[in-house]
């Protein structure tokens, strides 16, 4: 099961990660994160200082950029800056997993991805365990191989719906 949070009165900004981390009981610390297809409401001056690795093409506003960050540093970035992730895919990898962000076999993306809107959506990168998909500021998807994360998310956000059921209805 995966989840969609849309049309909720429980959250002011769907794609602000602070409440999402709270819903996951702060288990974001258990992972390293690949951030792709990002569009943010703003980028702090020290943004790149938080990342272990990054591939920046034409500056920090390019949605083709890729960023690798520990769960602890992602928590620090979010805690110190009120960044809204308008678009983006935040893919969680086990701490022991190593990837080369310059040679990704799969680059997760949000905008235009048809895989989210049919039953059976899965995380895009084969080595990722969880995906938080920020969709145009209007909804958030929680896709995970670890069902306890999805359950925690849905328990916290009572308005969240099973993504498969949502897709069958729409």
Protein backbone atom coordinates (compact mmCIF):
# COMPACT_ATOMS: atom_id res chain seq x y z
CA UNK A 1 0.00 0.00 0.00
CA UNK A 2 1.08 3.57 -0.75
CA UNK A 3 -0.58 6.83 0.23
CA UNK A 4 -1.73 10.13 -1.22
CA UNK A 5 -2.37 13.24 0.85
CA UNK A 6 -4.64 15.66 -0.97
CA UNK A 7 -7.54 17.93 0.01
CA UNK A 8 -6.53 17.83 3.66
CA UNK A 9 -7.21 20.34 6.40
CA UNK A 10 -4.43 18.79 8.50
CA UNK A 11 -1.56 20.43 6.68
CA UNK A 12 -0.94 23.98 5.50
CA UNK A 13 1.63 23.11 2.83
CA UNK A 14 1.55 19.58 1.45
CA UNK A 15 5.13 19.69 0.34
CA UNK A 16 6.80 21.10 3.44
CA UNK A 17 8.75 18.17 4.84
CA UNK A 18 8.60 19.03 8.56
CA UNK A 19 5.13 17.53 9.18
CA UNK A 20 5.92 14.62 6.87
CA UNK A 21 8.97 13.75 8.96
CA UNK A 22 6.82 13.99 12.07
CA UNK A 23 4.35 11.57 10.45
CA UNK A 24 7.23 9.15 9.81
CA UNK A 25 8.19 9.38 13.48
CA UNK A 26 11.47 10.99 12.37
CA UNK A 27 12.62 7.82 10.64
CA UNK A 28 14.12 10.02 7.90
CA UNK A 29 17.31 9.71 9.99
CA UNK A 30 17.46 6.02 9.04
CA UNK A 31 18.16 6.85 5.40
CA UNK A 32 20.36 8.77 3.01
CA UNK A 33 18.32 10.72 0.50
CA UNK A 34 18.53 11.41 -3.20
CA UNK A 35 16.69 14.61 -4.16
CA UNK A 36 15.73 14.94 -7.83
CA UNK A 37 13.37 16.94 -10.04
CA UNK A 38 13.32 19.75 -7.47
CA UNK A 39 11.48 23.02 -7.67
CA UNK A 40 11.54 24.90 -4.37
CA UNK A 41 9.81 28.05 -3.14
CA UNK A 42 13.28 29.44 -2.39
CA UNK A 43 16.83 28.25 -1.92
CA UNK A 44 18.86 29.45 1.07
CA UNK A 45 22.34 30.81 0.40
CA UNK A 46 23.97 27.89 2.25
CA UNK A 47 21.81 25.24 0.53
CA UNK A 48 24.67 23.27 -1.03
CA UNK A 49 26.55 23.13 2.29
CA UNK A 50 24.05 20.54 3.58
CA UNK A 51 24.77 17.98 0.86
CA UNK A 52 27.40 15.26 0.80
CA UNK A 53 27.34 15.22 -2.99
CA UNK A 54 25.51 17.14 -5.64
CA UNK A 55 25.43 17.56 -9.39
CA UNK A 56 24.47 21.12 -10.26
CA UNK A 57 24.13 21.86 -13.96
CA UNK A 58 23.15 25.49 -14.48
CA UNK A 59 22.75 26.67 -10.91
CA UNK A 60 20.60 25.59 -8.00
CA UNK A 61 17.31 26.31 -9.80
CA UNK A 62 17.77 23.62 -12.49
CA UNK A 63 15.32 20.70 -12.02
CA UNK A 64 17.87 18.32 -13.58
CA UNK A 65 20.18 18.73 -10.58
CA UNK A 66 20.72 15.84 -8.19
CA UNK A 67 21.52 16.02 -4.49
CA UNK A 68 22.66 13.37 -1.97
CA UNK A 69 22.12 14.06 1.71
CA UNK A 70 22.02 12.17 5.00
CA UNK A 71 18.78 12.01 6.94
CA UNK A 72 20.38 14.07 9.69
CA UNK A 73 21.46 16.82 7.30
CA UNK A 74 18.08 16.81 5.54
CA UNK A 75 16.46 17.26 8.95
CA UNK A 76 18.83 20.17 9.68
CA UNK A 77 18.10 21.77 6.31
CA UNK A 78 14.35 21.52 6.83
CA UNK A 79 14.53 22.58 10.48
CA UNK A 80 16.55 25.73 9.78
CA UNK A 81 14.77 26.75 6.58
CA UNK A 82 11.07 26.84 5.75
CA UNK A 83 11.57 25.33 2.31
CA UNK A 84 8.53 24.16 0.44
CA UNK A 85 9.26 21.44 -2.10
CA UNK A 86 6.87 22.44 -4.88
CA UNK A 87 7.98 19.60 -7.15
CA UNK A 88 10.41 16.84 -6.39
CA UNK A 89 11.17 13.27 -5.52
CA UNK A 90 12.93 12.55 -2.25
CA UNK A 91 14.16 8.94 -2.43
CA UNK A 92 15.39 7.22 0.73
CA UNK A 93 18.21 4.66 0.61
CA UNK A 94 19.57 2.44 3.36
CA UNK A 95 22.58 4.05 5.02
CA UNK A 96 24.78 1.21 3.75
CA UNK A 97 23.72 1.76 0.12
CA UNK A 98 26.17 3.67 -2.07
CA UNK A 99 25.12 5.29 -5.32
CA UNK A 100 26.91 7.47 -7.85
CA UNK A 101 24.67 10.47 -8.46
CA UNK A 102 26.61 11.28 -11.63
CA UNK A 103 25.75 7.90 -13.18
CA UNK A 104 22.24 7.03 -12.02
CA UNK A 105 20.54 4.15 -13.80
CA UNK A 106 17.19 5.76 -12.92
CA UNK A 107 16.58 9.41 -12.14
CA UNK A 108 13.31 9.67 -10.19
CA UNK A 109 10.93 12.36 -11.41
CA UNK A 110 7.52 13.68 -10.47
CA UNK A 111 6.09 15.89 -13.20
CA UNK A 112 4.67 13.81 -16.03
CA UNK A 113 5.27 10.46 -14.36
CA UNK A 114 2.35 8.19 -15.33
CA UNK A 115 3.44 5.45 -12.92
CA UNK A 116 1.92 7.28 -9.96
CA UNK A 117 -1.58 7.32 -11.42
CA UNK A 118 -2.22 3.62 -11.89
CA UNK A 119 -2.49 0.87 -9.27
CA UNK A 120 0.75 -0.66 -8.06
CA UNK A 121 3.02 2.41 -7.97
CA UNK A 122 6.53 1.55 -6.80
CA UNK A 123 9.62 3.52 -5.84
CA UNK A 124 11.42 4.53 -9.01
CA UNK A 125 15.06 3.84 -8.18
CA UNK A 126 15.56 0.08 -7.69
CA UNK A 127 17.84 0.56 -4.66
CA UNK A 128 15.59 3.08 -2.89
CA UNK A 129 13.34 2.00 -0.02
CA UNK A 130 10.97 4.95 0.13
CA UNK A 131 9.88 7.90 -1.98
CA UNK A 132 8.26 11.13 -0.92
CA UNK A 133 6.84 12.75 -4.03
CA UNK A 134 6.00 16.45 -3.91
CA UNK A 135 3.46 17.19 -6.59
CA UNK A 136 3.01 20.83 -7.62
CA UNK A 137 2.39 21.93 -4.01
CA UNK A 138 -1.04 20.31 -4.18
CA UNK A 139 -0.42 16.82 -2.86
CA UNK A 140 2.18 14.46 -1.49
CA UNK A 141 2.67 10.79 -2.30
CA UNK A 142 4.24 8.33 0.14
CA UNK A 143 5.53 5.28 -1.72
CA UNK A 144 7.51 2.73 0.24
CA UNK A 145 8.73 -0.84 0.35
CA UNK A 146 8.44 -0.53 4.15
CA UNK A 147 4.74 -0.65 4.91
CA UNK A 148 5.28 0.56 8.47
CA UNK A 149 6.28 3.95 7.03
CA UNK A 150 3.10 4.18 4.97
CA UNK A 151 1.02 3.09 7.97
CA UNK A 152 2.67 5.70 10.19
CA UNK A 153 2.05 8.35 7.53
CA UNK A 154 -1.62 7.39 7.19
CA UNK A 155 -2.12 7.17 10.95
CA UNK A 156 -0.74 10.68 11.34
CA UNK A 157 -2.55 12.19 8.37
CA UNK A 158 -6.11 10.95 8.77
CA UNK A 159 -7.02 12.51 5.40
CA UNK A 160 -4.43 10.39 3.55
CA UNK A 161 -5.88 7.76 1.25
CA UNK A 162 -4.61 4.49 -0.17
CA UNK A 163 -3.04 5.46 -3.50
CA UNK A 164 -4.32 2.34 -5.31
CA UNK A 165 -7.90 3.04 -4.19
CA UNK A 166 -7.54 6.69 -5.19
CA UNK A 167 -6.29 5.68 -8.64
CA UNK A 168 -9.15 3.24 -9.15
CA UNK A 169 -11.68 5.95 -8.25
CA UNK A 170 -10.19 8.66 -10.48
